[in-house]
Amino acid sequence: MARLVEDLFVGREAELATFREWLSFDAEIPEVLNLSGPSGVGKSSLLREFEHLAIGRGRAVVFVDGGSIPPNPRGLLRALSKRATDDLDEVVARLNATSTLILLDSFDQLGELTDYLQSEFLPRLATSVRVVIASRFPLGLAWNRNELWNKVIRPLRLEGFSTAESREYLGRRGLAEPLLIDRVMNAAGFNPLALSLAADLALRFGVRDFPSAPEWRLAVRALVDRVLVEVREPQLRDLLEACLAVRQFDEATLSAISGRDDIGAAFAQLCRLSMICPAEHGLMLHEDVRRRLTEDLAWRHSDRYAALRARALAYYRERVRSAPPDEREWLVADRFYLWGNALIQELFFSSDEPGQVWVDVYRPGDHAEIQRLFTLRLAYLLPPDSVLGDLAPPDEDGDFLEAILRYPGARIRVGRDRDGRALGFTTVLPICQETIPLLEGHPALAPLIHAYWDQAALTALPASPDRSNIFYLLHLVHGGKIPGAVRGSLLRDLSGVFASSGIYLSSTYVPAHKRMLDACGFQLLPVARNVAWGLDYPVDGYVLDLSQIGFEPWIEAVMSGRRLPRSLHPAELETELQTALRHWTDDRWLSRSLLMDLPAVTQVDAKTPRPAAVRQAILQALTAARAASDGNDSPYRALELVYLSRRPCPKQGARNLAVSRATLYRLVKQGIRGLAEALTSQA
């Protein structure tokens, strides 16, 4: 059987060369080769070829199929030791002693092990041990946002076969007729699994005319064909494919994604299809239908599917920039839908069913149901097989919820069924002078407050919630009725708070929520860790500061797996701004300035050279600061005289303002502070 598998393996020369080089390279730290690609692209086959090559070089190899082991440390350790032991020290010692190559397949099903691998397992491995992790999606920000993991992870993306590789594979399967090979490739494209299915049908059942063969339709597209019975016109099918790139749509959205202006008649037909459902902001494909059609399109015509998604991203990017605040909130969730992160898709969209759950504001009549859900929350926040250990709510937890429900500035949203009954809820609290005492009274939440701000910064926080753009994400609670749909609806609604480009804090003991925050680019503050919920479930504190980065650079970074631009503390921003003014005419210096990542700069027309964009943003901020100065613009006149005049001269500037040099420098300092505030307020 192994010889047969080897004989059928074709292509992948670049990937094999990368693997050979990686395997023989003497690394200073343990390296993880991350093999990623869509389902059916041949990841498992390539892993088996890796195994064959490594054994040929005398390497010890252990192959672990993530889909066939329990997703917990014990299951992993027993698989790595071939059921000999689940003792971590013993397993690691054996792997290190034999310089083993670990091949971990189907890692998407082992997401719960991410923290364990990072903190417990991988750091113990010798540099001679090599690890390959295969997954549908590349390992995300939870791995690569830390500088150390940037060095540890080596990405290797796997795509479909080339034309030549497809022909070679079909030839090795026993297909010799050029016409038949062409027909198989036309039906299956370049996806290895699809080619394998088509070759089976051709060899075992004599299928030649694939588009009309019942065996082929039953094997691959039975459901899709059934769904598309009512969609015969080519333009309508094109429009239906455009629907697959977004979660919900209207005519304008589909026009932009399809690249057609004349879709009025086809859109009217689309609205009458049985697979179309009403959604909160337009229309939506029935979720099961969408999933099947998407798999089919991405499999048969991956280029077209990628092009549709690219158009959708560009459309939403532009729409979010120009949308009013209330529209921006729900557009954020639709941007998340285009993110290929497996965890985000599972939490936000996996059980998305139009009409099952709707989210609106909390009403006093919801109080009893909210309390009931709150009482039952521990049963549904953790996986069903979790060992609760000493998990117990802090004594202050119930009173804290009551205080949040009473506080008029809190953002409280309730997920409801079709009859209006509460199924879950979220709470978000603006952080200000009014709410700090409330947060300080909760032992799980207070440590993050004091880890992020010192006493001086706490005193400088806004006085009231209406003046604050800083938020503590508090509760995400749902019961046992359609939990996936409720959780997804609540999270999509909650994601809208990011549209305001504020500062967001969150403390949680739930492992899945920690991974979600990691994926979204939140920064972990280790000093905020506490055991308010018990030793077995430590609470970790996270912060996401978009006040300088802005929403758009953040969402672009997390969706592409890049690290976020670094936020500047106020003093650091003022220093950087003053240095930029000193180098006002130096394009080379300005192009390297840390100000480049500020939203005020990134929002300048992309065709504008970046040094000119920095200058333009500063000048716009100067105008805004002067307009807000109530006629006291001396600090900004001082800035212009000292830095922006044709011949900057502090001495002449002091004369022009009729002040001493010392007073001039005090005015410049005030001007820098006001200019920095105006620059960040343009996010």
Foldseek 3Di string as FASTA:
>chain_A
DLVLLVLLDDDPPVVVVVLVCVLPDQDPAAAEEEEAAAPLQCPVSVLSVSVVVCVVVVAAEAEAELVPFPLDQQRVQCSLVVNPDSDLVVSQVVCQVRLYEYEYEACLSNVLCLVVCVPPHRRSHDNSHYYYYYYHDTDFLLQCQDPVSVVRYDYDYGDFDDPVRQVVSLVSLPDDDPLQSVQQCLVFPRRNRSSVQSSCCCVVVVDRNQVPDPSNCVVAPVVVCVLCPLPDDPLLVLLVLLLLLWFFDAPVLSCQLSVHDPCVVSVVSVVPRPQWAAAPVHIGGFVVNSVSVLVVCCRNPVVSSVSSNVSNLVVLLVCLVPDPLVVNLLSLLRLLVSFPDSLSCQQQPPLAGGQFKDKDFDDPVLVVVAVVQVVQQVCPLAPNPDDCPQFDAFPCVVVLVVVQVPDPLKGKMFIAGNVRHGFWIWIKHFDALVCLVSQCVGLQRNLLVCLVDPPVVNVVGHHDRVPGLEMEGEDTTGDDDSVSNRSNNRVSNVSSSCQVQAKYKYKDQRSSVVVVCSLQQWAWRVSSWDANRHPVRIITMTMDHRLFQHDSQSSVQSSVSHHGQDDDDLVRLLVLVVVCLQCVPPLVVQVPGSSLRGPLQVVPPPVDPSSVSVVVLLVVLLVVLCVPPVNPSLLSLLSCQQRPDPDRDLVVSCVVVVHDSVVSVVSPSVNSSSSSVSSSVVD
